[in-house]
């Protein structure tokens, strides 16, 4: 079984071009961030998310991420840029201001 087969059985791409794990509310980015940023192994990701997604789905998501890393990293960078712009426009939250 090749990567393409695993991708077809576990990964779906929505109309906006975002990759999701089929049958879950997890994006491939969610899993990649857990693995790369937090250093979680697939088993730890499985544990941290209370058994969903499955280990097979996690491995497929990581495979998909590494096969499409440049485009997914660019998408993530754009999302971070949008978030930072929104944060600057809205300023500090009332809770932070009180502290």
PDB file of N, CA and C in Angstrom:
ATOM      1  N   UNK A   1       0.853  -1.169   0.000  1.00  0.00           N
ATOM      2  CA  UNK A   1       0.000   0.000   0.000  1.00  0.00           C
ATOM      3  C   UNK A   1       0.897   1.230   0.000  1.00  0.00           C
ATOM      4  N   UNK A   2       0.703   2.123  -0.951  1.00  0.00           N
ATOM      5  CA  UNK A   2       1.513   3.323  -1.049  1.00  0.00           C
ATOM      6  C   UNK A   2       0.895   4.499  -0.328  1.00  0.00           C
ATOM      7  N   UNK A   3       1.622   5.603  -0.334  1.00  0.00           N
ATOM      8  CA  UNK A   3       1.150   6.829   0.320  1.00  0.00           C
ATOM      9  C   UNK A   3      -0.140   7.310  -0.317  1.00  0.00           C
ATOM     10  N   UNK A   4      -0.225   7.241  -1.628  1.00  0.00           N
ATOM     11  CA  UNK A   4      -1.426   7.721  -2.318  1.00  0.00           C
ATOM     12  C   UNK A   4      -2.660   6.969  -1.824  1.00  0.00           C
ATOM     13  N   UNK A   5      -2.531   5.668  -1.579  1.00  0.00           N
ATOM     14  CA  UNK A   5      -3.654   4.888  -1.080  1.00  0.00           C
ATOM     15  C   UNK A   5      -4.047   5.331   0.316  1.00  0.00           C
ATOM     16  N   UNK A   6      -3.038   5.556   1.176  1.00  0.00           N
ATOM     17  CA  UNK A   6      -3.318   6.010   2.540  1.00  0.00           C
ATOM     18  C   UNK A   6      -3.982   7.378   2.508  1.00  0.00           C
ATOM     19  N   UNK A   7      -3.507   8.263   1.645  1.00  0.00           N
ATOM     20  CA  UNK A   7      -4.105   9.595   1.535  1.00  0.00           C
ATOM     21  C   UNK A   7      -5.566   9.497   1.133  1.00  0.00           C
ATOM     22  N   UNK A   8      -5.871   8.669   0.177  1.00  0.00           N
ATOM     23  CA  UNK A   8      -7.250   8.547  -0.303  1.00  0.00           C
ATOM     24  C   UNK A   8      -8.169   7.989   0.775  1.00  0.00           C
ATOM     25  N   UNK A   9      -7.641   7.103   1.625  1.00  0.00           N
ATOM     26  CA  UNK A   9      -8.511   6.495   2.617  1.00  0.00           C
ATOM     27  C   UNK A   9      -8.650   7.314   3.901  1.00  0.00           C
ATOM     28  N   UNK A  10      -7.706   8.217   4.180  1.00  0.00           N
ATOM     29  CA  UNK A  10      -7.741   8.944   5.448  1.00  0.00           C
ATOM     30  C   UNK A  10      -7.809  10.463   5.329  1.00  0.00           C
ATOM     31  N   UNK A  11      -7.488  11.013   4.193  1.00  0.00           N
ATOM     32  CA  UNK A  11      -7.385  12.469   4.046  1.00  0.00           C
ATOM     33  C   UNK A  11      -8.391  12.960   3.017  1.00  0.00           C
ATOM     34  N   UNK A  12      -9.038  14.084   3.335  1.00  0.00           N
ATOM     35  CA  UNK A  12      -9.907  14.735   2.358  1.00  0.00           C
ATOM     36  C   UNK A  12      -9.482  16.193   2.251  1.00  0.00           C
ATOM     37  N   UNK A  13      -9.675  16.778   1.093  1.00  0.00           N
ATOM     38  CA  UNK A  13      -9.359  18.178   0.870  1.00  0.00           C
ATOM     39  C   UNK A  13     -10.672  18.899   0.596  1.00  0.00           C
ATOM     40  N   UNK A  14     -10.935  19.973   1.362  1.00  0.00           N
ATOM     41  CA  UNK A  14     -12.202  20.689   1.193  1.00  0.00           C
ATOM     42  C   UNK A  14     -12.138  21.667   0.018  1.00  0.00           C
ATOM     43  N   UNK A  15     -13.220  22.383  -0.210  1.00  0.00           N
ATOM     44  CA  UNK A  15     -13.318  23.300  -1.355  1.00  0.00           C
ATOM     45  C   UNK A  15     -12.302  24.432  -1.297  1.00  0.00           C
ATOM     46  N   UNK A  16     -11.866  24.776  -0.078  1.00  0.00           N
ATOM     47  CA  UNK A  16     -10.860  25.830   0.080  1.00  0.00           C
ATOM     48  C   UNK A  16      -9.435  25.292  -0.043  1.00  0.00           C
ATOM     49  N   UNK A  17      -9.314  23.996  -0.280  1.00  0.00           N
ATOM     50  CA  UNK A  17      -7.999  23.383  -0.445  1.00  0.00           C
ATOM     51  C   UNK A  17      -7.340  22.952   0.856  1.00  0.00           C
ATOM     52  N   UNK A  18      -8.086  22.966   1.963  1.00  0.00           N
ATOM     53  CA  UNK A  18      -7.537  22.559   3.255  1.00  0.00           C
ATOM     54  C   UNK A  18      -7.671  21.051   3.429  1.00  0.00           C
ATOM     55  N   UNK A  19      -6.609  20.441   3.931  1.00  0.00           N
ATOM     56  CA  UNK A  19      -6.588  18.988   4.124  1.00  0.00           C
ATOM     57  C   UNK A  19      -7.084  18.642   5.523  1.00  0.00           C
ATOM     58  N   UNK A  20      -8.021  17.708   5.597  1.00  0.00           N
ATOM     59  CA  UNK A  20      -8.632  17.252   6.850  1.00  0.00           C
ATOM     60  C   UNK A  20      -8.470  15.739   6.960  1.00  0.00           C
ATOM     61  N   UNK A  21      -8.523  15.242   8.173  1.00  0.00           N
ATOM     62  CA  UNK A  21      -8.593  13.799   8.380  1.00  0.00           C
ATOM     63  C   UNK A  21     -10.063  13.422   8.244  1.00  0.00           C
ATOM     64  N   UNK A  22     -10.337  12.522   7.329  1.00  0.00           N
ATOM     65  CA  UNK A  22     -11.724  12.106   7.071  1.00  0.00           C
ATOM     66  C   UNK A  22     -12.396  11.613   8.347  1.00  0.00           C
ATOM     67  N   UNK A  23     -13.656  12.024   8.500  1.00  0.00           N
ATOM     68  CA  UNK A  23     -14.456  11.548   9.615  1.00  0.00           C
ATOM     69  C   UNK A  23     -14.143  12.198  10.949  1.00  0.00           C
ATOM     70  N   UNK A  24     -13.282  13.232  10.940  1.00  0.00           N
ATOM     71  CA  UNK A  24     -12.929  13.921  12.183  1.00  0.00           C
ATOM     72  C   UNK A  24     -13.018  15.433  11.958  1.00  0.00           C
ATOM     73  N   UNK A  25     -12.795  16.169  13.019  1.00  0.00           N
ATOM     74  CA  UNK A  25     -12.739  17.629  12.923  1.00  0.00           C
ATOM     75  C   UNK A  25     -11.294  18.120  12.952  1.00  0.00           C
ATOM     76  N   UNK A  26     -10.345  17.242  12.652  1.00  0.00           N
ATOM     77  CA  UNK A  26      -8.927  17.583  12.692  1.00  0.00           C
ATOM     78  C   UNK A  26      -8.386  17.884  11.302  1.00  0.00           C
ATOM     79  N   UNK A  27      -7.672  19.016  11.207  1.00  0.00           N
ATOM     80  CA  UNK A  27      -6.968  19.333   9.977  1.00  0.00           C
ATOM     81  C   UNK A  27      -5.590  18.675  10.025  1.00  0.00           C
ATOM     82  N   UNK A  28      -5.035  18.434   8.868  1.00  0.00           N
ATOM     83  CA  UNK A  28      -3.680  17.891   8.799  1.00  0.00           C
ATOM     84  C   UNK A  28      -2.725  18.814   9.553  1.00  0.00           C
ATOM     85  N   UNK A  29      -2.944  20.133   9.435  1.00  0.00           N
ATOM     86  CA  UNK A  29      -2.112  21.099  10.165  1.00  0.00           C
ATOM     87  C   UNK A  29      -2.129  20.855  11.672  1.00  0.00           C
ATOM     88  N   UNK A  30      -3.273  20.518  12.225  1.00  0.00           N
ATOM     89  CA  UNK A  30      -3.373  20.280  13.667  1.00  0.00           C
ATOM     90  C   UNK A  30      -2.404  19.185  14.099  1.00  0.00           C
ATOM     91  N   UNK A  31      -2.370  18.136  13.331  1.00  0.00           N
ATOM     92  CA  UNK A  31      -1.512  16.992  13.638  1.00  0.00           C
ATOM     93  C   UNK A  31      -0.053  17.355  13.411  1.00  0.00           C
ATOM     94  N   UNK A  32       0.236  18.045  12.307  1.00  0.00           N
ATOM     95  CA  UNK A  32       1.613  18.441  12.005  1.00  0.00           C
ATOM     96  C   UNK A  32       2.159  19.367  13.087  1.00  0.00           C
ATOM     97  N   UNK A  33       1.350  20.291  13.566  1.00  0.00           N
ATOM     98  CA  UNK A  33       1.789  21.205  14.628  1.00  0.00           C
ATOM     99  C   UNK A  33       2.082  20.428  15.906  1.00  0.00           C
ATOM    100  N   UNK A  34       1.216  19.495  16.256  1.00  0.00           N
ATOM    101  CA  UNK A  34       1.474  18.672  17.444  1.00  0.00           C
ATOM    102  C   UNK A  34       2.811  17.949  17.322  1.00  0.00           C
ATOM    103  N   UNK A  35       3.099  17.453  16.130  1.00  0.00           N
ATOM    104  CA  UNK A  35       4.319  16.675  15.918  1.00  0.00           C
ATOM    105  C   UNK A  35       5.564  17.565  15.855  1.00  0.00           C
ATOM    106  N   UNK A  36       5.494  18.629  15.076  1.00  0.00           N
ATOM    107  CA  UNK A  36       6.686  19.440  14.832  1.00  0.00           C
ATOM    108  C   UNK A  36       6.927  20.456  15.950  1.00  0.00           C
ATOM    109  N   UNK A  37       5.921  21.206  16.313  1.00  0.00           N
ATOM    110  CA  UNK A  37       6.086  22.268  17.308  1.00  0.00           C
ATOM    111  C   UNK A  37       6.188  21.694  18.720  1.00  0.00           C
ATOM    112  N   UNK A  38       5.291  20.782  19.049  1.00  0.00           N
ATOM    113  CA  UNK A  38       5.253  20.236  20.406  1.00  0.00           C
ATOM    114  C   UNK A  38       6.133  19.001  20.582  1.00  0.00           C
ATOM    115  N   UNK A  39       6.593  18.424  19.462  1.00  0.00           N
ATOM    116  CA  UNK A  39       7.465  17.256  19.540  1.00  0.00           C
ATOM    117  C   UNK A  39       6.763  15.964  19.893  1.00  0.00           C
ATOM    118  N   UNK A  40       5.435  15.922  19.707  1.00  0.00           N
ATOM    119  CA  UNK A  40       4.677  14.722  20.044  1.00  0.00           C
ATOM    120  C   UNK A  40       4.893  13.618  19.015  1.00  0.00           C
ATOM    121  N   UNK A  41       5.042  12.401  19.486  1.00  0.00           N
ATOM    122  CA  UNK A  41       5.065  11.228  18.614  1.00  0.00           C
ATOM    123  C   UNK A  41       3.625  10.952  18.174  1.00  0.00           C
ATOM    124  N   UNK A  42       3.433  10.130  17.139  1.00  0.00           N
ATOM    125  CA  UNK A  42       2.063   9.767  16.767  1.00  0.00           C
ATOM    126  C   UNK A  42       1.277   9.169  17.933  1.00  0.00           C
ATOM    127  N   UNK A  43       1.948   8.366  18.741  1.00  0.00           N
ATOM    128  CA  UNK A  43       1.271   7.766  19.897  1.00  0.00           C
ATOM    129  C   UNK A  43       0.842   8.838  20.905  1.00  0.00           C
ATOM    130  N   UNK A  44       1.696   9.833  21.126  1.00  0.00           N
ATOM    131  CA  UNK A  44       1.360  10.904  22.057  1.00  0.00           C
ATOM    132  C   UNK A  44       0.219  11.758  21.507  1.00  0.00           C
ATOM    133  N   UNK A  45       0.236  12.013  20.208  1.00  0.00           N
ATOM    134  CA  UNK A  45      -0.866  12.760  19.587  1.00  0.00           C
ATOM    135  C   UNK A  45      -2.174  12.012  19.804  1.00  0.00           C
ATOM    136  N   UNK A  46      -2.144  10.710  19.575  1.00  0.00           N
ATOM    137  CA  UNK A  46      -3.314   9.858  19.781  1.00  0.00           C
ATOM    138  C   UNK A  46      -3.802   9.969  21.230  1.00  0.00           C
ATOM    139  N   UNK A  47      -2.876   9.899  22.164  1.00  0.00           N
ATOM    140  CA  UNK A  47      -3.212   9.999  23.588  1.00  0.00           C
ATOM    141  C   UNK A  47      -3.772  11.383  23.930  1.00  0.00           C
ATOM    142  N   UNK A  48      -3.127  12.441  23.452  1.00  0.00           N
ATOM    143  CA  UNK A  48      -3.533  13.811  23.772  1.00  0.00           C
ATOM    144  C   UNK A  48      -4.926  14.146  23.241  1.00  0.00           C
ATOM    145  N   UNK A  49      -5.325  13.466  22.171  1.00  0.00           N
ATOM    146  CA  UNK A  49      -6.638  13.725  21.572  1.00  0.00           C
ATOM    147  C   UNK A  49      -7.640  12.621  21.932  1.00  0.00           C
ATOM    148  N   UNK A  50      -7.390  11.927  23.046  1.00  0.00           N
ATOM    149  CA  UNK A  50      -8.319  10.932  23.599  1.00  0.00           C
ATOM    150  C   UNK A  50      -8.700   9.837  22.606  1.00  0.00           C
ATOM    151  N   UNK A  51      -7.710   9.413  21.805  1.00  0.00           N
ATOM    152  CA  UNK A  51      -7.940   8.293  20.900  1.00  0.00           C
ATOM    153  C   UNK A  51      -8.519   8.653  19.549  1.00  0.00           C
ATOM    154  N   UNK A  52      -8.779   9.914  19.332  1.00  0.00           N
ATOM    155  CA  UNK A  52      -9.260  10.342  18.015  1.00  0.00           C
ATOM    156  C   UNK A  52      -8.327  11.432  17.538  1.00  0.00           C
ATOM    157  N   UNK A  53      -7.771  11.345  16.408  1.00  0.00           N
ATOM    158  CA  UNK A  53      -7.903  10.329  15.371  1.00  0.00           C
ATOM    159  C   UNK A  53      -7.118   9.051  15.699  1.00  0.00           C
ATOM    160  N   UNK A  54      -7.312   8.050  14.858  1.00  0.00           N
ATOM    161  CA  UNK A  54      -6.623   6.776  15.057  1.00  0.00           C
ATOM    162  C   UNK A  54      -5.147   6.945  14.690  1.00  0.00           C
ATOM    163  N   UNK A  55      -4.339   5.993  15.108  1.00  0.00           N
ATOM    164  CA  UNK A  55      -2.922   6.037  14.747  1.00  0.00           C
ATOM    165  C   UNK A  55      -2.732   5.997  13.231  1.00  0.00           C
ATOM    166  N   UNK A  56      -3.528   5.212  12.546  1.00  0.00           N
ATOM    167  CA  UNK A  56      -3.425   5.161  11.082  1.00  0.00           C
ATOM    168  C   UNK A  56      -3.736   6.527  10.470  1.00  0.00           C
ATOM    169  N   UNK A  57      -4.756   7.202  10.988  1.00  0.00           N
ATOM    170  CA  UNK A  57      -5.105   8.532  10.483  1.00  0.00           C
ATOM    171  C   UNK A  57      -4.002   9.543  10.793  1.00  0.00           C
ATOM    172  N   UNK A  58      -3.399   9.449  11.956  1.00  0.00           N
ATOM    173  CA  UNK A  58      -2.311  10.352  12.330  1.00  0.00           C
ATOM    174  C   UNK A  58      -1.115  10.152  11.406  1.00  0.00           C
ATOM    175  N   UNK A  59      -0.754   8.908  11.167  1.00  0.00           N
ATOM    176  CA  UNK A  59       0.367   8.631  10.257  1.00  0.00           C
ATOM    177  C   UNK A  59       0.057   9.116   8.839  1.00  0.00           C
ATOM    178  N   UNK A  60      -1.175   8.941   8.393  1.00  0.00           N
ATOM    179  CA  UNK A  60      -1.556   9.431   7.061  1.00  0.00           C
ATOM    180  C   UNK A  60      -1.481  10.951   7.007  1.00  0.00           C
ATOM    181  N   UNK A  61      -1.911  11.613   8.081  1.00  0.00           N
ATOM    182  CA  UNK A  61      -1.853  13.081   8.124  1.00  0.00           C
ATOM    183  C   UNK A  61      -0.407  13.561   8.073  1.00  0.00           C
ATOM    184  N   UNK A  62       0.475  12.919   8.824  1.00  0.00           N
ATOM    185  CA  UNK A  62       1.884  13.307   8.805  1.00  0.00           C
ATOM    186  C   UNK A  62       2.506  13.039   7.440  1.00  0.00           C
ATOM    187  N   UNK A  63       2.150  11.925   6.841  1.00  0.00           N
ATOM    188  CA  UNK A  63       2.636  11.619   5.499  1.00  0.00           C
ATOM    189  C   UNK A  63       2.169  12.681   4.506  1.00  0.00           C
ATOM    190  N   UNK A  64       0.892  13.032   4.581  1.00  0.00           N
ATOM    191  CA  UNK A  64       0.344  14.056   3.696  1.00  0.00           C
ATOM    192  C   UNK A  64       1.060  15.388   3.927  1.00  0.00           C
ATOM    193  N   UNK A  65       1.273  15.745   5.191  1.00  0.00           N
ATOM    194  CA  UNK A  65       1.952  16.999   5.504  1.00  0.00           C
ATOM    195  C   UNK A  65       3.342  17.027   4.877  1.00  0.00           C
ATOM    196  N   UNK A  66       4.139  15.983   5.089  1.00  0.00           N
ATOM    197  CA  UNK A  66       5.501  15.985   4.566  1.00  0.00           C
ATOM    198  C   UNK A  66       5.540  15.917   3.046  1.00  0.00           C
ATOM    199  N   UNK A  67       4.540  15.311   2.425  1.00  0.00           N
ATOM    200  CA  UNK A  67       4.458  15.296   0.958  1.00  0.00           C
ATOM    201  C   UNK A  67       4.071  16.658   0.390  1.00  0.00           C
ATOM    202  N   UNK A  68       3.394  17.497   1.180  1.00  0.00           N
ATOM    203  CA  UNK A  68       2.892  18.807   0.734  1.00  0.00           C
ATOM    204  C   UNK A  68       3.384  19.929   1.647  1.00  0.00           C
ATOM    205  N   UNK A  69       4.543  19.760   2.235  1.00  0.00           N
ATOM    206  CA  UNK A  69       5.023  20.652   3.286  1.00  0.00           C
ATOM    207  C   UNK A  69       5.127  22.114   2.857  1.00  0.00           C
ATOM    208  N   UNK A  70       5.656  22.389   1.691  1.00  0.00           N
ATOM    209  CA  UNK A  70       5.841  23.781   1.260  1.00  0.00           C
ATOM    210  C   UNK A  70       4.511  24.519   1.184  1.00  0.00           C
ATOM    211  N   UNK A  71       3.523  23.910   0.553  1.00  0.00           N
ATOM    212  CA  UNK A  71       2.230  24.590   0.413  1.00  0.00           C
ATOM    213  C   UNK A  71       1.490  24.693   1.748  1.00  0.00           C
ATOM    214  N   UNK A  72       1.582  23.679   2.583  1.00  0.00           N
ATOM    215  CA  UNK A  72       0.908  23.727   3.886  1.00  0.00           C
ATOM    216  C   UNK A  72       1.579  24.719   4.822  1.00  0.00           C
ATOM    217  N   UNK A  73       2.915  24.813   4.775  1.00  0.00           N
ATOM    218  CA  UNK A  73       3.615  25.806   5.587  1.00  0.00           C
ATOM    219  C   UNK A  73       3.275  27.221   5.136  1.00  0.00           C
ATOM    220  N   UNK A  74       3.130  27.428   3.831  1.00  0.00           N
ATOM    221  CA  UNK A  74       2.744  28.744   3.322  1.00  0.00           C
ATOM    222  C   UNK A  74       1.334  29.101   3.782  1.00  0.00           C
ATOM    223  N   UNK A  75       0.428  28.136   3.770  1.00  0.00           N
ATOM    224  CA  UNK A  75      -0.943  28.361   4.245  1.00  0.00           C
ATOM    225  C   UNK A  75      -0.940  28.720   5.733  1.00  0.00           C
ATOM    226  N   UNK A  76      -0.154  28.019   6.513  1.00  0.00           N
ATOM    227  CA  UNK A  76      -0.064  28.296   7.942  1.00  0.00           C
ATOM    228  C   UNK A  76       0.536  29.684   8.190  1.00  0.00           C
ATOM    229  N   UNK A  77       1.565  30.049   7.445  1.00  0.00           N
ATOM    230  CA  UNK A  77       2.177  31.372   7.601  1.00  0.00           C
ATOM    231  C   UNK A  77       1.173  32.474   7.289  1.00  0.00           C
ATOM    232  N   UNK A  78       0.336  32.274   6.276  1.00  0.00           N
ATOM    233  CA  UNK A  78      -0.697  33.257   5.934  1.00  0.00           C
ATOM    234  C   UNK A  78      -1.726  33.370   7.056  1.00  0.00           C
ATOM    235  N   UNK A  79      -2.098  32.248   7.656  1.00  0.00           N
ATOM    236  CA  UNK A  79      -3.055  32.266   8.767  1.00  0.00           C
ATOM    237  C   UNK A  79      -2.473  32.996   9.974  1.00  0.00           C
ATOM    238  N   UNK A  80      -1.204  32.787  10.252  1.00  0.00           N
ATOM    239  CA  UNK A  80      -0.548  33.471  11.373  1.00  0.00           C
ATOM    240  C   UNK A  80      -0.498  34.969  11.106  1.00  0.00           C
ATOM    241  N   UNK A  81      -0.183  35.349   9.885  1.00  0.00           N
ATOM    242  CA  UNK A  81      -0.140  36.768   9.509  1.00  0.00           C
ATOM    243  C   UNK A  81      -1.521  37.410   9.676  1.00  0.00           C
ATOM    244  N   UNK A  82      -2.574  36.731   9.238  1.00  0.00           N
ATOM    245  CA  UNK A  82      -3.941  37.239   9.398  1.00  0.00           C
ATOM    246  C   UNK A  82      -4.307  37.373  10.870  1.00  0.00           C
ATOM    247  N   UNK A  83      -3.925  36.393  11.673  1.00  0.00           N
ATOM    248  CA  UNK A  83      -4.208  36.426  13.105  1.00  0.00           C
ATOM    249  C   UNK A  83      -3.508  37.611  13.768  1.00  0.00           C
ATOM    250  N   UNK A  84      -2.238  37.812  13.435  1.00  0.00           N
ATOM    251  CA  UNK A  84      -1.484  38.914  14.029  1.00  0.00           C
ATOM    252  C   UNK A  84      -2.099  40.258  13.642  1.00  0.00           C
ATOM    253  N   UNK A  85      -2.532  40.401  12.391  1.00  0.00           N
ATOM    254  CA  UNK A  85      -3.166  41.648  11.949  1.00  0.00           C
ATOM    255  C   UNK A  85      -4.465  41.886  12.716  1.00  0.00           C
ATOM    256  N   UNK A  86      -5.246  40.851  12.917  1.00  0.00           N
ATOM    257  CA  UNK A  86      -6.490  40.965  13.677  1.00  0.00           C
ATOM    258  C   UNK A  86      -6.206  41.344  15.132  1.00  0.00           C
ATOM    259  N   UNK A  87      -5.186  40.735  15.693  1.00  0.00           N
ATOM    260  CA  UNK A  87      -4.824  41.026  17.079  1.00  0.00           C
ATOM    261  C   UNK A  87      -4.402  42.492  17.239  1.00  0.00           C
ATOM    262  N   UNK A  88      -3.663  43.015  16.286  1.00  0.00           N
ATOM    263  CA  UNK A  88      -3.241  44.415  16.334  1.00  0.00           C
ATOM    264  C   UNK A  88      -4.451  45.337  16.213  1.00  0.00           C
ATOM    265  N   UNK A  89      -5.382  44.998  15.316  1.00  0.00           N
ATOM    266  CA  UNK A  89      -6.583  45.829  15.119  1.00  0.00           C
ATOM    267  C   UNK A  89      -7.481  45.845  16.342  1.00  0.00           C
ATOM    268  N   UNK A  90      -7.614  44.716  17.016  1.00  0.00           N
ATOM    269  CA  UNK A  90      -8.546  44.635  18.136  1.00  0.00           C
ATOM    270  C   UNK A  90      -7.930  45.067  19.459  1.00  0.00           C
ATOM    271  N   UNK A  91      -6.621  45.077  19.551  1.00  0.00           N
ATOM    272  CA  UNK A  91      -5.971  45.498  20.791  1.00  0.00           C
ATOM    273  C   UNK A  91      -6.086  44.451  21.879  1.00  0.00           C
ATOM    274  N   UNK A  92      -5.726  44.860  23.079  1.00  0.00           N
ATOM    275  CA  UNK A  92      -5.757  43.938  24.208  1.00  0.00           C
ATOM    276  C   UNK A  92      -7.190  43.690  24.670  1.00  0.00           C
ATOM    277  N   UNK A  93      -7.402  42.499  25.163  1.00  0.00           N
ATOM    278  CA  UNK A  93      -8.727  42.164  25.685  1.00  0.00           C
ATOM    279  C   UNK A  93      -8.965  42.908  26.997  1.00  0.00           C
ATOM    280  N   UNK A  94     -10.227  43.106  27.368  1.00  0.00           N
ATOM    281  CA  UNK A  94     -10.531  43.766  28.641  1.00  0.00           C
ATOM    282  C   UNK A  94      -9.896  43.067  29.841  1.00  0.00           C
ATOM    283  N   UNK A  95      -9.811  41.764  29.797  1.00  0.00           N
ATOM    284  CA  UNK A  95      -9.207  41.025  30.913  1.00  0.00           C
ATOM    285  C   UNK A  95      -7.729  41.374  31.035  1.00  0.00           C
ATOM    286  N   UNK A  96      -7.017  41.385  29.923  1.00  0.00           N
ATOM    287  CA  UNK A  96      -5.601  41.723  29.954  1.00  0.00           C
ATOM    288  C   UNK A  96      -5.414  43.164  30.418  1.00  0.00           C
ATOM    289  N   UNK A  97      -6.260  44.055  29.979  1.00  0.00           N
ATOM    290  CA  UNK A  97      -6.159  45.456  30.391  1.00  0.00           C
ATOM    291  C   UNK A  97      -6.341  45.622  31.896  1.00  0.00           C
ATOM    292  N   UNK A  98      -7.254  44.847  32.482  1.00  0.00           N
ATOM    293  CA  UNK A  98      -7.461  44.923  33.931  1.00  0.00           C
ATOM    294  C   UNK A  98      -6.291  44.389  34.710  1.00  0.00           C
ATOM    295  N   UNK A  99      -5.621  43.414  34.156  1.00  0.00           N
ATOM    296  CA  UNK A  99      -4.461  42.832  34.867  1.00  0.00           C
ATOM    297  C   UNK A  99      -3.332  43.818  34.851  1.00  0.00           C
TER     298      UNK A  99
END
